[in-house]
Amino acid sequence: MRRSPRIGVWLPPLAPSIVLLGLFVAGPILWCFYAAFTNSALSGIAARRPRFVGLDNFTTAFTSPNVAASLWLTVVFVVLSAVVGQNGMGMLLAVFMQHRGKVLRGVVGTVVVAAWVLPEVVAAFAIYAFLNAQGTLNEVLGWFGLSQNWLYTAPMLAVVLANVWRGTAFSMLVYQAALSEVPSDLVEAAEVDGAGPLGRFWHVVLPVMRRTVVTNLMLITLQTLGVFGLIYVLTAGGPDNKTQTLPLLMYEQAFKFGQIGYGTAIALVLLVLGAVFSLVYIRSLKAEV
């Protein structure tokens, strides 16, 4: 029988990685858990000698209408921009380009990926120039008398479309790789049986790709939960806090108002929300095994 490798054999090569993970991943997370139970602040006595306050920060968070509103806006933003927008557009583009010529695939792929590789702030300024009152969209809509300040009249729609535009490329690339692995004989057999394009996709292609779809949903959901720069540049959470998701509320409380303890408590609420989404997706994956 094979003997299991001893810890002393594989621990020394992994030691530097373990130390780095402890310092830069586990360390900040543990500090956040500690700070959330204190009155830590950016200035004053609480900055030098933070005091343990128990569950006061969480009590304030769970009874605050601002946190409840931001939690709801975060869920709406994630569902519309990640689950529906990026996931759906990525799938449509991948299917559309599956049997197209190299030139068309190259042009469409370049345009879509270009938004993804841009730094978040640069992409936010680009979409801001497109949507603001003097932007490109209003210049075109002005010919029909439909121009308006989209960042003010429909702020959540604006940030959702911006995030879909920027993040669709990831889903598109994932689904392109998955579609290339679908056995062609299954598709051909369904075509011989009389199934149309939609039927072949729904009953043959999609079941084969189901695990990829769930994995992609989990990745883009967790990424979208932490979106900060895009929304901050476009609306800064306004107008009237209509786009103030949990990352923006956390930033406001921790760094604008200096309440580090309360801000980290909100960060833990965001962590729990991400865990809930992850558990849903993980259970979906286990149900298919």
C-alpha atoms as a PDB file:
ATOM      1  CA  MET A   1       0.000   0.000   0.000  1.00  0.00           C
ATOM      2  CA  ARG A   2       1.099   3.523  -0.745  1.00  0.00           C
ATOM      3  CA  ARG A   3       2.214   5.516   2.234  1.00  0.00           C
ATOM      4  CA  SER A   4       0.709   8.989   2.564  1.00  0.00           C
ATOM      5  CA  PRO A   5       3.297  11.753   2.089  1.00  0.00           C
ATOM      6  CA  ARG A   6       4.622  13.155   5.313  1.00  0.00           C
ATOM      7  CA  ILE A   7       3.963  16.748   6.254  1.00  0.00           C
ATOM      8  CA  GLY A   8       7.672  17.404   6.487  1.00  0.00           C
ATOM      9  CA  VAL A   9       8.077  16.654   2.783  1.00  0.00           C
ATOM     10  CA  TRP A  10       5.605  19.122   1.299  1.00  0.00           C
ATOM     11  CA  LEU A  11       5.468  21.779   4.052  1.00  0.00           C
ATOM     12  CA  PRO A  12       8.855  23.504   3.393  1.00  0.00           C
ATOM     13  CA  PRO A  13       8.125  24.301  -0.302  1.00  0.00           C
ATOM     14  CA  LEU A  14       4.681  25.646   0.644  1.00  0.00           C
ATOM     15  CA  ALA A  15       5.841  27.627   3.655  1.00  0.00           C
ATOM     16  CA  PRO A  16       6.406  30.957   1.814  1.00  0.00           C
ATOM     17  CA  SER A  17       2.957  30.746   0.215  1.00  0.00           C
ATOM     18  CA  ILE A  18       1.329  29.907   3.540  1.00  0.00           C
ATOM     19  CA  VAL A  19       3.038  32.868   5.212  1.00  0.00           C
ATOM     20  CA  LEU A  20       1.984  35.264   2.430  1.00  0.00           C
ATOM     21  CA  LEU A  21      -1.614  34.019   2.512  1.00  0.00           C
ATOM     22  CA  GLY A  22      -1.661  34.439   6.265  1.00  0.00           C
ATOM     23  CA  LEU A  23      -0.330  37.995   6.099  1.00  0.00           C
ATOM     24  CA  PHE A  24      -2.282  39.371   3.151  1.00  0.00           C
ATOM     25  CA  VAL A  25      -5.503  37.278   3.121  1.00  0.00           C
ATOM     26  CA  ALA A  26      -6.216  35.744   6.511  1.00  0.00           C
ATOM     27  CA  GLY A  27      -4.692  38.658   8.437  1.00  0.00           C
ATOM     28  CA  PRO A  28      -6.966  41.420   7.054  1.00  0.00           C
ATOM     29  CA  ILE A  29     -10.038  39.194   7.386  1.00  0.00           C
ATOM     30  CA  LEU A  30      -9.283  38.430  11.033  1.00  0.00           C
ATOM     31  CA  TRP A  31      -8.628  42.126  11.696  1.00  0.00           C
ATOM     32  CA  CYS A  32     -12.018  43.002  10.168  1.00  0.00           C
ATOM     33  CA  PHE A  33     -13.712  40.537  12.489  1.00  0.00           C
ATOM     34  CA  TYR A  34     -11.917  42.152  15.431  1.00  0.00           C
ATOM     35  CA  ALA A  35     -12.640  45.746  14.347  1.00  0.00           C
ATOM     36  CA  ALA A  36     -16.343  45.024  13.774  1.00  0.00           C
ATOM     37  CA  PHE A  37     -16.748  44.450  17.516  1.00  0.00           C
ATOM     38  CA  THR A  38     -14.969  47.677  18.516  1.00  0.00           C
ATOM     39  CA  ASN A  39     -15.571  51.407  18.188  1.00  0.00           C
ATOM     40  CA  SER A  40     -12.396  51.802  16.111  1.00  0.00           C
ATOM     41  CA  ALA A  41     -12.238  55.117  14.248  1.00  0.00           C
ATOM     42  CA  LEU A  42      -9.901  57.125  12.026  1.00  0.00           C
ATOM     43  CA  SER A  43      -9.360  59.862  14.583  1.00  0.00           C
ATOM     44  CA  GLY A  44      -9.845  60.651  18.249  1.00  0.00           C
ATOM     45  CA  ILE A  45      -9.390  58.403  21.255  1.00  0.00           C
ATOM     46  CA  ALA A  46     -11.021  55.456  19.459  1.00  0.00           C
ATOM     47  CA  ALA A  47      -8.252  55.559  16.850  1.00  0.00           C
ATOM     48  CA  ARG A  48      -5.541  55.139  19.496  1.00  0.00           C
ATOM     49  CA  ARG A  49      -7.365  52.914  21.977  1.00  0.00           C
ATOM     50  CA  PRO A  50     -10.415  51.230  20.407  1.00  0.00           C
ATOM     51  CA  ARG A  51     -12.914  49.850  22.890  1.00  0.00           C
ATOM     52  CA  PHE A  52     -14.800  46.574  22.656  1.00  0.00           C
ATOM     53  CA  VAL A  53     -18.516  47.305  22.076  1.00  0.00           C
ATOM     54  CA  GLY A  54     -19.880  43.824  21.491  1.00  0.00           C
ATOM     55  CA  LEU A  55     -22.739  43.642  18.998  1.00  0.00           C
ATOM     56  CA  ASP A  56     -23.484  47.372  18.998  1.00  0.00           C
ATOM     57  CA  ASN A  57     -22.229  47.881  15.432  1.00  0.00           C
ATOM     58  CA  PHE A  58     -24.323  45.000  14.143  1.00  0.00           C
ATOM     59  CA  THR A  59     -27.383  46.168  16.082  1.00  0.00           C
ATOM     60  CA  THR A  60     -27.008  49.599  14.494  1.00  0.00           C
ATOM     61  CA  ALA A  61     -26.533  48.050  11.053  1.00  0.00           C
ATOM     62  CA  PHE A  62     -29.542  45.738  11.236  1.00  0.00           C
ATOM     63  CA  THR A  63     -31.817  48.511  12.501  1.00  0.00           C
ATOM     64  CA  SER A  64     -30.571  51.137  10.048  1.00  0.00           C
ATOM     65  CA  PRO A  65     -32.825  51.901   7.056  1.00  0.00           C
ATOM     66  CA  ASN A  66     -29.712  52.871   5.080  1.00  0.00           C
ATOM     67  CA  VAL A  67     -28.204  49.387   5.465  1.00  0.00           C
ATOM     68  CA  ALA A  68     -31.494  47.712   4.550  1.00  0.00           C
ATOM     69  CA  ALA A  69     -31.846  49.900   1.464  1.00  0.00           C
ATOM     70  CA  SER A  70     -28.216  49.295   0.435  1.00  0.00           C
ATOM     71  CA  LEU A  71     -28.646  45.537   0.935  1.00  0.00           C
ATOM     72  CA  TRP A  72     -31.676  45.546  -1.363  1.00  0.00           C
ATOM     73  CA  LEU A  73     -29.881  47.685  -3.975  1.00  0.00           C
ATOM     74  CA  THR A  74     -26.898  45.327  -3.852  1.00  0.00           C
ATOM     75  CA  VAL A  75     -29.121  42.310  -4.534  1.00  0.00           C
ATOM     76  CA  VAL A  76     -30.875  44.143  -7.392  1.00  0.00           C
ATOM     77  CA  PHE A  77     -27.544  45.235  -8.867  1.00  0.00           C
ATOM     78  CA  VAL A  78     -26.089  41.723  -8.686  1.00  0.00           C
ATOM     79  CA  VAL A  79     -29.142  39.978 -10.124  1.00  0.00           C
ATOM     80  CA  LEU A  80     -29.660  42.422 -12.996  1.00  0.00           C
ATOM     81  CA  SER A  81     -26.050  43.060 -13.977  1.00  0.00           C
ATOM     82  CA  ALA A  82     -24.453  39.666 -13.260  1.00  0.00           C
ATOM     83  CA  VAL A  83     -27.066  36.893 -13.223  1.00  0.00           C
ATOM     84  CA  VAL A  84     -29.213  38.331 -16.020  1.00  0.00           C
ATOM     85  CA  GLY A  85     -26.976  40.798 -17.851  1.00  0.00           C
ATOM     86  CA  GLN A  86     -23.426  39.438 -17.994  1.00  0.00           C
ATOM     87  CA  ASN A  87     -24.461  35.796 -17.921  1.00  0.00           C
ATOM     88  CA  GLY A  88     -27.190  36.194 -20.551  1.00  0.00           C
ATOM     89  CA  MET A  89     -25.210  38.458 -22.890  1.00  0.00           C
ATOM     90  CA  GLY A  90     -22.135  36.256 -22.553  1.00  0.00           C
ATOM     91  CA  MET A  91     -24.141  33.204 -23.555  1.00  0.00           C
ATOM     92  CA  LEU A  92     -25.814  34.986 -26.486  1.00  0.00           C
ATOM     93  CA  LEU A  93     -22.499  36.280 -27.834  1.00  0.00           C
ATOM     94  CA  ALA A  94     -20.811  32.891 -27.446  1.00  0.00           C
ATOM     95  CA  VAL A  95     -23.629  31.120 -29.313  1.00  0.00           C
ATOM     96  CA  PHE A  96     -23.765  33.853 -31.963  1.00  0.00           C
ATOM     97  CA  MET A  97     -20.042  33.599 -32.725  1.00  0.00           C
ATOM     98  CA  GLN A  98     -19.837  29.793 -32.593  1.00  0.00           C
ATOM     99  CA  HIS A  99     -20.089  29.159 -36.350  1.00  0.00           C
ATOM    100  CA  ARG A 100     -19.188  32.592 -37.690  1.00  0.00           C
ATOM    101  CA  GLY A 101     -16.181  33.545 -39.760  1.00  0.00           C
ATOM    102  CA  LYS A 102     -12.857  34.486 -38.237  1.00  0.00           C
ATOM    103  CA  VAL A 103     -13.190  38.136 -39.201  1.00  0.00           C
ATOM    104  CA  LEU A 104     -16.578  38.589 -37.513  1.00  0.00           C
ATOM    105  CA  ARG A 105     -15.487  36.666 -34.430  1.00  0.00           C
ATOM    106  CA  GLY A 106     -12.330  38.727 -34.219  1.00  0.00           C
ATOM    107  CA  VAL A 107     -14.153  42.048 -34.494  1.00  0.00           C
ATOM    108  CA  VAL A 108     -16.895  41.173 -32.001  1.00  0.00           C
ATOM    109  CA  GLY A 109     -14.438  39.554 -29.590  1.00  0.00           C
ATOM    110  CA  THR A 110     -12.107  42.557 -29.695  1.00  0.00           C
ATOM    111  CA  VAL A 111     -14.916  45.039 -29.045  1.00  0.00           C
ATOM    112  CA  VAL A 112     -16.327  43.038 -26.121  1.00  0.00           C
ATOM    113  CA  VAL A 113     -12.970  42.186 -24.522  1.00  0.00           C
ATOM    114  CA  ALA A 114     -11.724  45.780 -24.863  1.00  0.00           C
ATOM    115  CA  ALA A 115     -14.196  46.946 -22.208  1.00  0.00           C
ATOM    116  CA  TRP A 116     -13.134  44.124 -19.895  1.00  0.00           C
ATOM    117  CA  VAL A 117      -9.375  44.789 -20.048  1.00  0.00           C
ATOM    118  CA  LEU A 118      -9.767  48.518 -19.385  1.00  0.00           C
ATOM    119  CA  PRO A 119      -9.057  49.614 -15.801  1.00  0.00           C
ATOM    120  CA  GLU A 120     -12.292  50.010 -13.874  1.00  0.00           C
ATOM    121  CA  VAL A 121     -11.949  53.780 -13.477  1.00  0.00           C
ATOM    122  CA  VAL A 122     -11.170  54.282 -17.174  1.00  0.00           C
ATOM    123  CA  ALA A 123     -14.184  52.172 -18.166  1.00  0.00           C
ATOM    124  CA  ALA A 124     -16.360  54.147 -15.736  1.00  0.00           C
ATOM    125  CA  PHE A 125     -15.290  57.475 -17.232  1.00  0.00           C
ATOM    126  CA  ALA A 126     -15.953  56.115 -20.731  1.00  0.00           C
ATOM    127  CA  ILE A 127     -19.528  55.116 -19.859  1.00  0.00           C
ATOM    128  CA  TYR A 128     -19.968  58.397 -17.969  1.00  0.00           C
ATOM    129  CA  ALA A 129     -19.052  60.299 -21.128  1.00  0.00           C
ATOM    130  CA  PHE A 130     -21.655  58.236 -22.972  1.00  0.00           C
ATOM    131  CA  LEU A 131     -24.539  58.616 -20.479  1.00  0.00           C
ATOM    132  CA  ASN A 132     -24.206  62.083 -18.957  1.00  0.00           C
ATOM    133  CA  ALA A 133     -26.414  65.005 -19.933  1.00  0.00           C
ATOM    134  CA  GLN A 134     -23.947  66.236 -22.578  1.00  0.00           C
ATOM    135  CA  GLY A 135     -22.862  62.746 -23.599  1.00  0.00           C
ATOM    136  CA  THR A 136     -22.967  60.805 -26.842  1.00  0.00           C
ATOM    137  CA  LEU A 137     -26.269  59.062 -26.114  1.00  0.00           C
ATOM    138  CA  ASN A 138     -28.110  62.341 -25.552  1.00  0.00           C
ATOM    139  CA  GLU A 139     -26.586  63.849 -28.681  1.00  0.00           C
ATOM    140  CA  VAL A 140     -28.195  61.045 -30.685  1.00  0.00           C
ATOM    141  CA  LEU A 141     -31.481  60.963 -28.768  1.00  0.00           C
ATOM    142  CA  GLY A 142     -31.727  64.741 -29.017  1.00  0.00           C
ATOM    143  CA  TRP A 143     -32.630  64.377 -32.690  1.00  0.00           C
ATOM    144  CA  PHE A 144     -35.832  62.648 -31.526  1.00  0.00           C
ATOM    145  CA  GLY A 145     -36.443  64.857 -28.495  1.00  0.00           C
ATOM    146  CA  LEU A 146     -35.698  62.031 -26.027  1.00  0.00           C
ATOM    147  CA  SER A 147     -32.548  63.312 -24.339  1.00  0.00           C
ATOM    148  CA  GLN A 148     -32.359  63.342 -20.533  1.00  0.00           C
ATOM    149  CA  ASN A 149     -29.853  63.021 -17.724  1.00  0.00           C
ATOM    150  CA  TRP A 150     -29.751  59.228 -17.494  1.00  0.00           C
ATOM    151  CA  LEU A 151     -27.447  59.218 -14.469  1.00  0.00           C
ATOM    152  CA  TYR A 152     -30.096  61.202 -12.582  1.00  0.00           C
ATOM    153  CA  THR A 153     -33.405  59.892 -13.931  1.00  0.00           C
ATOM    154  CA  ALA A 154     -32.425  56.201 -14.160  1.00  0.00           C
ATOM    155  CA  PRO A 155     -29.254  55.794 -12.056  1.00  0.00           C
ATOM    156  CA  MET A 156     -29.612  52.082 -11.225  1.00  0.00           C
ATOM    157  CA  LEU A 157     -30.283  51.221 -14.860  1.00  0.00           C
ATOM    158  CA  ALA A 158     -27.202  53.229 -15.817  1.00  0.00           C
ATOM    159  CA  VAL A 159     -24.841  51.431 -13.426  1.00  0.00           C
ATOM    160  CA  VAL A 160     -26.336  48.038 -14.336  1.00  0.00           C
ATOM    161  CA  LEU A 161     -25.770  48.643 -18.055  1.00  0.00           C
ATOM    162  CA  ALA A 162     -22.264  49.917 -17.331  1.00  0.00           C
ATOM    163  CA  ASN A 163     -21.366  46.766 -15.394  1.00  0.00           C
ATOM    164  CA  VAL A 164     -22.892  44.534 -18.077  1.00  0.00           C
ATOM    165  CA  TRP A 165     -20.909  46.351 -20.770  1.00  0.00           C
ATOM    166  CA  ARG A 166     -17.677  45.991 -18.838  1.00  0.00           C
ATOM    167  CA  GLY A 167     -18.021  42.438 -17.521  1.00  0.00           C
ATOM    168  CA  THR A 168     -19.744  40.474 -20.301  1.00  0.00           C
ATOM    169  CA  ALA A 169     -16.437  39.441 -21.876  1.00  0.00           C
ATOM    170  CA  PHE A 170     -15.606  37.036 -19.037  1.00  0.00           C
ATOM    171  CA  SER A 171     -18.849  35.078 -19.432  1.00  0.00           C
ATOM    172  CA  MET A 172     -18.491  35.121 -23.209  1.00  0.00           C
ATOM    173  CA  LEU A 173     -15.001  33.579 -23.052  1.00  0.00           C
ATOM    174  CA  VAL A 174     -16.102  30.948 -20.520  1.00  0.00           C
ATOM    175  CA  TYR A 175     -19.071  29.908 -22.659  1.00  0.00           C
ATOM    176  CA  GLN A 176     -17.045  29.891 -25.854  1.00  0.00           C
ATOM    177  CA  ALA A 177     -14.702  27.366 -24.261  1.00  0.00           C
ATOM    178  CA  ALA A 178     -17.647  25.321 -22.959  1.00  0.00           C
ATOM    179  CA  LEU A 179     -19.424  25.280 -26.331  1.00  0.00           C
ATOM    180  CA  SER A 180     -16.297  23.956 -28.015  1.00  0.00           C
ATOM    181  CA  GLU A 181     -16.410  20.940 -25.675  1.00  0.00           C
ATOM    182  CA  VAL A 182     -20.019  19.977 -26.451  1.00  0.00           C
ATOM    183  CA  PRO A 183     -19.939  16.655 -28.414  1.00  0.00           C
ATOM    184  CA  SER A 184     -20.956  17.374 -31.993  1.00  0.00           C
ATOM    185  CA  ASP A 185     -22.530  13.929 -32.395  1.00  0.00           C
ATOM    186  CA  LEU A 186     -25.151  14.779 -29.743  1.00  0.00           C
ATOM    187  CA  VAL A 187     -26.114  17.955 -31.569  1.00  0.00           C
ATOM    188  CA  GLU A 188     -26.228  16.157 -34.911  1.00  0.00           C
ATOM    189  CA  ALA A 189     -28.383  13.371 -33.464  1.00  0.00           C
ATOM    190  CA  ALA A 190     -30.856  15.929 -32.123  1.00  0.00           C
ATOM    191  CA  GLU A 191     -30.922  17.643 -35.520  1.00  0.00           C
ATOM    192  CA  VAL A 192     -31.674  14.324 -37.231  1.00  0.00           C
ATOM    193  CA  ASP A 193     -34.519  13.779 -34.752  1.00  0.00           C
ATOM    194  CA  GLY A 194     -36.041  17.041 -35.935  1.00  0.00           C
ATOM    195  CA  ALA A 195     -35.050  19.382 -33.129  1.00  0.00           C
ATOM    196  CA  GLY A 196     -34.719  23.030 -34.141  1.00  0.00           C
ATOM    197  CA  PRO A 197     -31.884  25.372 -33.122  1.00  0.00           C
ATOM    198  CA  LEU A 198     -33.631  26.431 -29.916  1.00  0.00           C
ATOM    199  CA  GLY A 199     -34.573  22.856 -29.044  1.00  0.00           C
ATOM    200  CA  ARG A 200     -31.037  21.601 -29.645  1.00  0.00           C
ATOM    201  CA  PHE A 201     -29.634  24.336 -27.434  1.00  0.00           C
ATOM    202  CA  TRP A 202     -32.162  23.865 -24.617  1.00  0.00           C
ATOM    203  CA  HIS A 203     -32.273  20.053 -24.510  1.00  0.00           C
ATOM    204  CA  VAL A 204     -28.749  19.116 -25.626  1.00  0.00           C
ATOM    205  CA  VAL A 205     -26.218  21.941 -25.340  1.00  0.00           C
ATOM    206  CA  LEU A 206     -27.382  23.579 -22.118  1.00  0.00           C
ATOM    207  CA  PRO A 207     -27.542  20.354 -20.033  1.00  0.00           C
ATOM    208  CA  VAL A 208     -23.964  19.551 -21.059  1.00  0.00           C
ATOM    209  CA  MET A 209     -22.863  23.084 -20.044  1.00  0.00           C
ATOM    210  CA  ARG A 210     -24.877  23.252 -16.819  1.00  0.00           C
ATOM    211  CA  ARG A 211     -21.937  22.938 -14.442  1.00  0.00           C
ATOM    212  CA  THR A 212     -20.049  25.604 -16.395  1.00  0.00           C
ATOM    213  CA  VAL A 213     -23.061  27.913 -16.198  1.00  0.00           C
ATOM    214  CA  VAL A 214     -23.354  27.514 -12.420  1.00  0.00           C
ATOM    215  CA  THR A 215     -19.613  28.016 -11.914  1.00  0.00           C
ATOM    216  CA  ASN A 216     -19.630  31.125 -14.096  1.00  0.00           C
ATOM    217  CA  LEU A 217     -22.637  32.499 -12.193  1.00  0.00           C
ATOM    218  CA  MET A 218     -20.824  32.052  -8.891  1.00  0.00           C
ATOM    219  CA  LEU A 219     -17.681  33.804 -10.130  1.00  0.00           C
ATOM    220  CA  ILE A 220     -19.392  36.817 -11.693  1.00  0.00           C
ATOM    221  CA  THR A 221     -21.777  37.144  -8.737  1.00  0.00           C
ATOM    222  CA  LEU A 222     -18.930  37.345  -6.221  1.00  0.00           C
ATOM    223  CA  GLN A 223     -17.070  39.789  -8.459  1.00  0.00           C
ATOM    224  CA  THR A 224     -20.131  42.010  -8.870  1.00  0.00           C
ATOM    225  CA  LEU A 225     -20.814  42.075  -5.129  1.00  0.00           C
ATOM    226  CA  GLY A 226     -17.557  43.969  -4.643  1.00  0.00           C
ATOM    227  CA  VAL A 227     -17.949  46.502  -7.464  1.00  0.00           C
ATOM    228  CA  PHE A 228     -17.044  49.912  -6.090  1.00  0.00           C
ATOM    229  CA  GLY A 229     -15.065  52.095  -8.511  1.00  0.00           C
ATOM    230  CA  LEU A 230     -17.532  51.808 -11.393  1.00  0.00           C
ATOM    231  CA  ILE A 231     -20.510  52.996  -9.331  1.00  0.00           C
ATOM    232  CA  TYR A 232     -18.483  55.585  -7.432  1.00  0.00           C
ATOM    233  CA  VAL A 233     -17.267  57.284 -10.612  1.00  0.00           C
ATOM    234  CA  LEU A 234     -20.698  57.218 -12.282  1.00  0.00           C
ATOM    235  CA  THR A 235     -23.001  58.271  -9.437  1.00  0.00           C
ATOM    236  CA  ALA A 236     -21.050  58.135  -6.126  1.00  0.00           C
ATOM    237  CA  GLY A 237     -24.106  56.313  -4.745  1.00  0.00           C
ATOM    238  CA  GLY A 238     -26.566  59.037  -5.699  1.00  0.00           C
ATOM    239  CA  PRO A 239     -28.792  60.636  -6.483  1.00  0.00           C
ATOM    240  CA  ASP A 240     -30.460  60.415  -3.074  1.00  0.00           C
ATOM    241  CA  ASN A 241     -28.598  57.124  -2.346  1.00  0.00           C
ATOM    242  CA  LYS A 242     -30.451  55.335  -5.170  1.00  0.00           C
ATOM    243  CA  THR A 243     -27.273  53.496  -6.213  1.00  0.00           C
ATOM    244  CA  GLN A 244     -25.581  53.214  -2.814  1.00  0.00           C
ATOM    245  CA  THR A 245     -24.760  49.521  -2.660  1.00  0.00           C
ATOM    246  CA  LEU A 246     -23.093  47.962   0.389  1.00  0.00           C
ATOM    247  CA  PRO A 247     -19.487  48.600  -0.792  1.00  0.00           C
ATOM    248  CA  LEU A 248     -20.251  52.311  -1.171  1.00  0.00           C
ATOM    249  CA  LEU A 249     -22.043  52.488   2.180  1.00  0.00           C
ATOM    250  CA  MET A 250     -19.124  50.682   3.818  1.00  0.00           C
ATOM    251  CA  TYR A 251     -16.667  53.167   2.288  1.00  0.00           C
ATOM    252  CA  GLU A 252     -18.787  56.141   3.367  1.00  0.00           C
ATOM    253  CA  GLN A 253     -19.099  55.017   6.978  1.00  0.00           C
ATOM    254  CA  ALA A 254     -15.478  53.879   7.358  1.00  0.00           C
ATOM    255  CA  PHE A 255     -13.546  56.587   5.498  1.00  0.00           C
ATOM    256  CA  LYS A 256     -15.874  59.562   5.092  1.00  0.00           C
ATOM    257  CA  PHE A 257     -17.376  59.493   8.580  1.00  0.00           C
ATOM    258  CA  GLY A 258     -14.358  57.765  10.152  1.00  0.00           C
ATOM    259  CA  GLN A 259     -16.335  54.940  11.800  1.00  0.00           C
ATOM    260  CA  ILE A 260     -14.002  52.035  11.060  1.00  0.00           C
ATOM    261  CA  GLY A 261     -15.751  49.605  13.405  1.00  0.00           C
ATOM    262  CA  TYR A 262     -19.182  50.273  11.928  1.00  0.00           C
ATOM    263  CA  GLY A 263     -17.801  50.156   8.390  1.00  0.00           C
ATOM    264  CA  THR A 264     -16.202  46.748   8.945  1.00  0.00           C
ATOM    265  CA  ALA A 265     -19.474  45.477  10.415  1.00  0.00           C
ATOM    266  CA  ILE A 266     -21.161  46.429   7.135  1.00  0.00           C
ATOM    267  CA  ALA A 267     -18.316  44.673   5.316  1.00  0.00           C
ATOM    268  CA  LEU A 268     -19.146  41.487   7.215  1.00  0.00           C
ATOM    269  CA  VAL A 269     -22.782  41.833   6.166  1.00  0.00           C
ATOM    270  CA  LEU A 270     -21.525  41.932   2.576  1.00  0.00           C
ATOM    271  CA  LEU A 271     -19.386  38.861   3.288  1.00  0.00           C
ATOM    272  CA  VAL A 272     -22.449  36.991   4.574  1.00  0.00           C
ATOM    273  CA  LEU A 273     -24.410  37.985   1.463  1.00  0.00           C
ATOM    274  CA  GLY A 274     -21.634  36.590  -0.718  1.00  0.00           C
ATOM    275  CA  ALA A 275     -21.660  33.387   1.327  1.00  0.00           C
ATOM    276  CA  VAL A 276     -25.423  33.016   0.799  1.00  0.00           C
ATOM    277  CA  PHE A 277     -25.043  33.349  -2.971  1.00  0.00           C
ATOM    278  CA  SER A 278     -22.120  30.894  -2.934  1.00  0.00           C
ATOM    279  CA  LEU A 279     -24.074  28.308  -0.935  1.00  0.00           C
ATOM    280  CA  VAL A 280     -26.951  28.488  -3.425  1.00  0.00           C
ATOM    281  CA  TYR A 281     -24.592  27.865  -6.338  1.00  0.00           C
ATOM    282  CA  ILE A 282     -22.652  25.116  -4.527  1.00  0.00           C
ATOM    283  CA  ARG A 283     -25.883  23.301  -3.672  1.00  0.00           C
ATOM    284  CA  SER A 284     -26.866  23.551  -7.365  1.00  0.00           C
ATOM    285  CA  LEU A 285     -23.574  21.927  -8.328  1.00  0.00           C
ATOM    286  CA  LYS A 286     -23.971  19.136  -5.761  1.00  0.00           C
ATOM    287  CA  ALA A 287     -27.536  18.467  -6.906  1.00  0.00           C
ATOM    288  CA  GLU A 288     -26.198  17.573 -10.350  1.00  0.00           C
ATOM    289  CA  VAL A 289     -23.651  15.051  -9.126  1.00  0.00           C
END
